[in-house]
Protein backbone atom coordinates (compact mmCIF):
# COMPACT_ATOMS: atom_id res chain seq x y z
CA MET A 1 0.61 13.63 4.72
CA LEU A 2 -1.30 10.40 3.60
CA GLU A 3 -1.01 6.92 4.99
CA VAL A 4 -1.83 4.07 3.33
CA VAL A 5 -2.03 0.42 5.16
CA ALA A 6 -2.15 -2.01 2.22
CA PHE A 7 -0.27 -5.12 1.09
CA VAL A 8 2.10 -4.04 -1.22
CA PRO A 9 3.33 -6.47 -3.83
CA ALA A 10 7.05 -7.32 -3.14
CA ASN A 11 9.74 -9.61 -3.37
CA VAL A 12 11.59 -10.72 -0.56
CA GLY A 13 14.93 -12.57 -0.46
CA ILE A 14 17.52 -14.04 2.21
CA CYS A 15 20.00 -11.02 1.92
CA ARG A 16 21.39 -8.69 -0.79
CA THR A 17 24.77 -10.84 -1.02
CA CYS A 18 22.73 -13.97 -1.42
CA ASP A 19 20.48 -12.55 -4.00
CA GLU A 20 23.20 -11.16 -6.38
CA VAL A 21 25.17 -14.62 -6.02
CA ALA A 22 21.83 -16.47 -6.91
CA ARG A 23 21.29 -14.23 -9.64
CA ALA A 24 24.84 -14.80 -11.31
CA PHE A 25 24.30 -18.64 -11.18
CA ARG A 26 20.88 -17.85 -12.72
CA VAL A 27 19.06 -19.02 -9.55
CA GLU A 28 15.80 -17.37 -8.10
CA LEU A 29 16.03 -17.29 -4.29
CA THR A 30 13.39 -14.27 -3.73
CA GLU A 31 9.64 -15.03 -2.82
CA SER A 32 6.72 -12.92 -3.69
CA LEU A 33 4.60 -11.95 -0.82
CA LEU A 34 1.54 -11.64 -2.84
CA ALA A 35 1.30 -14.80 -5.33
CA GLU A 36 -1.67 -13.56 -7.33
CA PRO A 37 -1.59 -10.04 -8.70
CA GLN A 38 -4.09 -7.48 -7.21
CA ASP A 39 -6.26 -5.30 -9.06
CA ASP A 40 -7.08 -3.36 -5.95
CA PHE A 41 -3.41 -2.29 -5.63
CA ALA A 42 -3.35 -0.72 -9.36
CA ALA A 43 -6.70 0.90 -8.59
CA LEU A 44 -5.00 2.51 -5.36
CA ILE A 45 -1.72 3.46 -7.37
CA ALA A 46 -3.94 5.09 -10.26
CA ALA A 47 -5.97 7.19 -7.48
CA LEU A 48 -2.70 8.20 -6.07
CA SER A 49 -1.00 9.23 -9.09
CA MET A 50 -3.81 11.70 -9.72
CA LEU A 51 -2.82 13.73 -6.61
CA GLY A 52 0.35 14.81 -7.61
CA GLY A 53 3.33 15.59 -5.28
CA VAL A 54 1.40 14.33 -2.05
CA PRO A 55 3.67 12.33 0.07
CA VAL A 56 2.46 9.13 0.96
CA ARG A 57 3.56 6.52 3.68
CA PHE A 58 2.77 2.79 3.00
CA THR A 59 2.28 0.56 5.98
CA SER A 60 2.11 -2.90 5.99
CA PRO A 61 -1.16 -4.49 7.83
CA ALA A 62 1.30 -7.08 9.29
CA SER A 63 3.22 -4.91 11.19
CA LEU A 64 2.60 -3.51 14.50
CA ARG A 65 1.76 0.13 13.21
CA GLY A 66 -0.55 -1.27 10.53
CA LEU A 67 -2.41 -3.28 13.41
CA TYR A 68 -2.68 -0.56 15.66
CA LEU A 69 -4.23 1.50 12.59
CA MET A 70 -6.36 -1.10 11.84
CA ILE A 71 -7.75 -1.32 15.39
CA LYS A 72 -7.82 2.44 15.72
CA TYR A 73 -9.88 3.14 12.90
CA ARG A 74 -11.99 -0.16 13.49
CA SER A 75 -11.56 -1.61 9.93
CA GLY A 76 -10.07 -4.73 9.10
CA ARG A 77 -10.47 -4.01 5.61
CA THR A 78 -7.71 -3.14 3.35
CA PRO A 79 -6.42 -0.44 1.97
CA LEU A 80 -7.25 1.73 4.77
CA ILE A 81 -6.29 5.56 3.46
CA ILE A 82 -5.70 7.94 6.30
CA ALA A 83 -5.44 11.77 5.65
CA ASN A 84 -4.44 14.03 8.59
CA GLY A 85 -5.39 11.64 10.96
CA ARG A 86 -8.83 10.87 9.77
CA LEU A 87 -10.00 7.70 8.10
CA ILE A 88 -10.83 8.61 4.43
CA HIS A 89 -11.30 5.33 2.70
CA SER A 90 -11.30 1.54 3.66
CA GLY A 91 -11.71 -1.54 1.71
CA PRO A 92 -11.56 -2.48 -2.16
CA VAL A 93 -11.16 0.83 -4.28
CA ARG A 94 -13.90 0.44 -7.06
CA ASN A 95 -13.31 3.95 -8.42
CA PRO A 96 -9.58 5.45 -8.38
CA ARG A 97 -10.98 9.01 -9.83
CA SER A 98 -13.84 9.40 -6.94
CA LEU A 99 -11.18 8.36 -4.35
CA ALA A 100 -8.63 10.77 -5.50
CA GLU A 101 -11.27 13.61 -5.23
CA ARG A 102 -12.52 12.60 -1.83
CA ILE A 103 -8.75 12.24 -0.77
CA LYS A 104 -8.12 15.96 -2.33
CA LEU A 105 -11.33 17.21 -0.59
CA SER A 106 -10.03 15.99 2.77
CA MET A 107 -6.40 17.38 2.55
CA GLY A 108 -7.93 20.74 1.50
CA LYS A 109 -6.91 20.88 -1.85
C-alpha cells in the first residue's frame, strides 16, 4: 500500500443540494482549496501513473493523520510518499520517472 500526504486540489461547497440549486441558477458557491495550480501535483500524478495498479491512499496534511505522519517521519515538506511504512520521498517532485523507479524498488516490484 502506498500513502501520499499532499494537498490535493479540490473544490468544496456547502452541501450537494445547495451546490445543485446554485448551479441551476448559474451561481458558483464552491471554493477551490488551492487557488494556484500546482506543478508538483501534476508531477506526482505522473509518477503514480507509471506504477500501474498500485493502490494509493491520499491524506491531507491538514488532517490529524497527515499531521501524525509528518511528525512520525519528521518532515514538514509535502508531498510525503510512504510505502510499506517507510518514507520514500519528501518534498517537491523534480523527476517523476526516477521517483516511480524508487517507489517500485521499495515495493519490491
